[in-house]
């Protein structure tokens, strides 16, 4: 018979304590190695407390990923606000923030965007993913020529995220050959500059179609 959590374990705020404890563990190891029993022990509650609040491990991990991704989105928004008003500068600031997220919190990033959980598993993760996507959308849209269709903006978002994510992850896994004469961060920013150049050159064609 499952253990019933005490009143203290279902009090407001315990859910966040459990999620913060999970994020502390994710700072050092991947989600696959984290048990809800360890999380509960860290907070000092019974091993049933995470299940009382979140139902199962998948939902709990999705919520933890959402909390971590929301923090990353907030930091990215601050970085963009601190950048020069030029749209290109804001796009590069967003890329730097995303690179820092992958580099500093790789296990949180991999949990949020990997196969272990889905955005539908917990609204916290879904909302955080939308918040980060909105930052990317606004940054890319600001770099487009006037009159660019929304479909082109969305394609630009995917085309932007792809190389930033890909190069950053390849670098984190040390899969970029040493013969490549550039650091990964510089490769990412070069990719962004190439995309922006392509957007500007395709402006007449877009207006004509």
Protein backbone atom coordinates (compact mmCIF):
# COMPACT_ATOMS: atom_id res chain seq x y z
CA UNK A 1 0.00 0.00 0.00
CA UNK A 2 1.51 3.40 -0.96
CA UNK A 3 2.61 5.59 1.91
CA UNK A 4 0.39 8.64 2.44
CA UNK A 5 2.27 11.90 2.50
CA UNK A 6 1.99 14.08 5.57
CA UNK A 7 0.29 17.49 5.53
CA UNK A 8 3.72 19.13 5.37
CA UNK A 9 4.54 17.18 2.24
CA UNK A 10 1.53 18.49 0.36
CA UNK A 11 1.83 22.06 1.53
CA UNK A 12 2.27 24.80 -1.07
CA UNK A 13 5.85 25.23 -2.13
CA UNK A 14 7.03 21.67 -1.70
CA UNK A 15 6.63 20.98 -5.41
CA UNK A 16 9.13 23.74 -6.18
CA UNK A 17 11.50 22.47 -3.49
CA UNK A 18 11.47 19.06 -5.14
CA UNK A 19 12.10 20.58 -8.56
CA UNK A 20 14.99 22.70 -7.29
CA UNK A 21 16.50 19.59 -5.73
CA UNK A 22 16.23 17.82 -9.08
CA UNK A 23 17.91 20.73 -10.84
CA UNK A 24 20.75 20.59 -8.33
CA UNK A 25 21.24 16.92 -9.18
CA UNK A 26 21.00 17.65 -12.90
CA UNK A 27 23.91 20.05 -12.54
CA UNK A 28 26.17 17.02 -12.13
CA UNK A 29 24.49 14.03 -13.79
CA UNK A 30 21.94 13.16 -16.49
CA UNK A 31 18.28 12.62 -15.75
CA UNK A 32 18.56 8.88 -16.35
CA UNK A 33 20.59 8.53 -13.14
CA UNK A 34 18.22 10.49 -10.93
CA UNK A 35 15.63 8.68 -8.82
CA UNK A 36 12.66 10.32 -7.14
CA UNK A 37 13.74 8.67 -3.89
CA UNK A 38 17.03 10.61 -4.01
CA UNK A 39 15.19 13.83 -4.76
CA UNK A 40 12.85 13.28 -1.81
CA UNK A 41 15.78 12.46 0.49
CA UNK A 42 17.50 15.67 -0.54
CA UNK A 43 14.45 17.70 0.49
CA UNK A 44 13.88 15.61 3.62
CA UNK A 45 10.44 14.20 2.82
CA UNK A 46 9.08 10.73 2.22
CA UNK A 47 9.82 9.00 -1.08
CA UNK A 48 6.11 9.26 -1.97
CA UNK A 49 6.06 13.07 -1.94
CA UNK A 50 7.14 13.52 -5.59
CA UNK A 51 4.39 11.11 -6.68
CA UNK A 52 1.80 12.99 -4.64
CA UNK A 53 2.70 16.23 -6.40
CA UNK A 54 3.48 15.02 -9.91
CA UNK A 55 1.95 11.58 -10.38
CA UNK A 56 4.91 9.79 -11.91
CA UNK A 57 8.58 10.20 -12.70
CA UNK A 58 8.07 11.30 -16.29
CA UNK A 59 5.81 14.19 -15.29
CA UNK A 60 8.20 15.14 -12.51
CA UNK A 61 11.19 15.24 -14.86
CA UNK A 62 9.17 17.23 -17.39
CA UNK A 63 8.33 19.76 -14.70
CA UNK A 64 12.00 19.97 -13.65
CA UNK A 65 13.00 20.47 -17.27
CA UNK A 66 10.39 23.19 -17.53
CA UNK A 67 11.74 25.02 -14.49
CA UNK A 68 15.28 24.83 -15.86
CA UNK A 69 14.24 25.90 -19.34
CA UNK A 70 12.23 28.81 -17.95
CA UNK A 71 15.32 30.06 -16.11
CA UNK A 72 17.30 29.77 -19.35
CA UNK A 73 14.62 31.71 -21.23
CA UNK A 74 14.69 34.46 -18.61
CA UNK A 75 18.46 34.72 -18.86
CA UNK A 76 18.26 34.80 -22.66
CA UNK A 77 15.70 37.61 -22.50
CA UNK A 78 18.00 39.61 -20.23
CA UNK A 79 20.93 39.08 -22.60
CA UNK A 80 18.86 40.25 -25.56
CA UNK A 81 17.69 43.32 -23.68
CA UNK A 82 21.29 44.20 -22.82
CA UNK A 83 22.41 43.89 -26.45
CA UNK A 84 22.51 46.74 -28.93
CA UNK A 85 19.15 47.61 -30.47
CA UNK A 86 20.28 46.29 -33.85
CA UNK A 87 18.28 43.12 -34.67
CA UNK A 88 21.44 41.27 -35.63
CA UNK A 89 23.04 42.03 -32.28
CA UNK A 90 19.98 40.71 -30.47
CA UNK A 91 20.03 37.53 -32.54
CA UNK A 92 23.69 36.97 -31.71
CA UNK A 93 22.98 37.68 -28.02
CA UNK A 94 20.26 35.04 -28.06
CA UNK A 95 22.68 32.57 -29.64
CA UNK A 96 25.28 33.31 -26.96
CA UNK A 97 22.69 32.71 -24.25
CA UNK A 98 21.68 29.41 -25.83
CA UNK A 99 25.31 28.33 -26.14
CA UNK A 100 25.80 29.15 -22.46
CA UNK A 101 22.71 27.13 -21.57
CA UNK A 102 24.02 24.04 -23.37
CA UNK A 103 27.50 24.51 -21.96
CA UNK A 104 26.57 25.29 -18.35
CA UNK A 105 23.46 23.12 -17.92
CA UNK A 106 23.85 20.33 -20.48
CA UNK A 107 21.75 17.79 -18.58
CA UNK A 108 18.86 20.23 -18.16
CA UNK A 109 19.06 21.13 -21.85
CA UNK A 110 19.15 17.50 -22.93
CA UNK A 111 16.20 16.67 -20.69
CA UNK A 112 14.14 19.59 -22.02
CA UNK A 113 14.84 18.86 -25.68
CA UNK A 114 15.58 15.14 -25.61
CA UNK A 115 13.41 12.01 -25.89
CA UNK A 116 13.08 11.24 -22.18
CA UNK A 117 10.13 13.59 -21.69
CA UNK A 118 7.68 15.40 -23.96
CA UNK A 119 6.32 18.91 -23.73
CA UNK A 120 2.84 17.45 -23.26
CA UNK A 121 3.99 15.70 -20.08
CA UNK A 122 3.77 18.84 -17.97
CA UNK A 123 2.46 22.37 -18.66
CA UNK A 124 5.53 23.88 -17.06
CA UNK A 125 7.76 22.46 -19.78
CA UNK A 126 5.33 23.37 -22.52
CA UNK A 127 5.10 26.98 -21.33
CA UNK A 128 8.87 27.30 -20.99
CA UNK A 129 9.44 25.89 -24.48
CA UNK A 130 6.94 28.38 -25.89
CA UNK A 131 8.67 31.23 -24.06
CA UNK A 132 12.05 30.29 -25.52
CA UNK A 133 10.60 29.78 -29.00
CA UNK A 134 8.96 33.22 -28.80
CA UNK A 135 12.36 34.78 -28.11
CA UNK A 136 13.77 33.03 -31.17
CA UNK A 137 10.76 33.97 -33.29
CA UNK A 138 10.97 37.64 -32.35
CA UNK A 139 14.71 37.77 -32.95
CA UNK A 140 14.46 36.12 -36.35
CA UNK A 141 11.42 38.17 -37.39
CA UNK A 142 13.25 41.40 -36.59
CA UNK A 143 16.04 40.38 -38.99
CA UNK A 144 13.67 39.77 -41.90
CA UNK A 145 12.99 42.27 -44.69
CA UNK A 146 9.69 44.17 -44.46
CA UNK A 147 6.74 42.17 -45.67
CA UNK A 148 8.22 38.76 -44.95
CA UNK A 149 5.48 36.16 -44.60
CA UNK A 150 5.03 34.36 -41.30
CA UNK A 151 5.79 31.04 -42.97
CA UNK A 152 9.20 32.39 -44.00
CA UNK A 153 9.82 33.65 -40.47
CA UNK A 154 9.05 30.20 -39.07
CA UNK A 155 11.35 28.56 -41.60
CA UNK A 156 14.00 31.07 -40.57
CA UNK A 157 13.53 30.08 -36.93
CA UNK A 158 14.14 26.42 -37.73
CA UNK A 159 17.09 27.27 -39.96
CA UNK A 160 18.58 29.36 -37.15
CA UNK A 161 18.07 26.92 -34.31
CA UNK A 162 19.44 24.00 -36.32
CA UNK A 163 23.05 25.15 -36.73
CA UNK A 164 23.21 26.76 -33.28
CA UNK A 165 22.02 23.57 -31.61
CA UNK A 166 24.01 21.29 -33.88
CA UNK A 167 27.34 23.05 -33.63
CA UNK A 168 27.02 23.60 -29.88
CA UNK A 169 26.17 19.96 -29.23
CA UNK A 170 28.93 18.70 -31.54
CA UNK A 171 31.37 20.91 -29.68
CA UNK A 172 30.12 19.70 -26.29
CA UNK A 173 30.63 16.12 -27.41
CA UNK A 174 34.03 17.02 -28.91
CA UNK A 175 32.97 15.83 -32.33
CA UNK A 176 34.22 18.80 -34.34
CA UNK A 177 37.56 17.83 -35.92
CA UNK A 178 40.56 19.68 -34.59
CA UNK A 179 41.46 20.49 -38.16
CA UNK A 180 38.56 22.97 -38.30
CA UNK A 181 40.33 26.36 -37.94
CA UNK A 182 37.73 28.02 -35.73
CA UNK A 183 36.17 27.78 -32.30
CA UNK A 184 32.61 26.51 -32.08
CA UNK A 185 31.20 29.84 -30.90
CA UNK A 186 32.70 31.60 -33.91
CA UNK A 187 31.30 28.92 -36.22
CA UNK A 188 27.84 29.53 -34.80
CA UNK A 189 28.02 33.27 -35.28
CA UNK A 190 29.35 32.82 -38.79
CA UNK A 191 26.36 30.59 -39.53
CA UNK A 192 24.01 33.30 -38.24
CA UNK A 193 25.69 35.93 -40.39
CA UNK A 194 25.35 33.68 -43.42
CA UNK A 195 21.65 33.21 -42.71
CA UNK A 196 21.09 36.95 -42.32
CA UNK A 197 22.89 37.61 -45.59
CA UNK A 198 20.67 35.07 -47.32
CA UNK A 199 17.54 36.66 -45.88
CA UNK A 200 18.55 40.10 -47.13
CA UNK A 201 19.39 38.81 -50.61
CA UNK A 202 16.13 36.92 -50.95
CA UNK A 203 14.00 39.95 -50.11
CA UNK A 204 13.11 40.94 -53.72
CA UNK A 205 12.16 37.36 -54.57
CA UNK A 206 9.91 37.09 -51.51
CA UNK A 207 8.06 40.28 -52.35
CA UNK A 208 7.55 39.10 -55.90
CA UNK A 209 6.02 35.71 -54.93
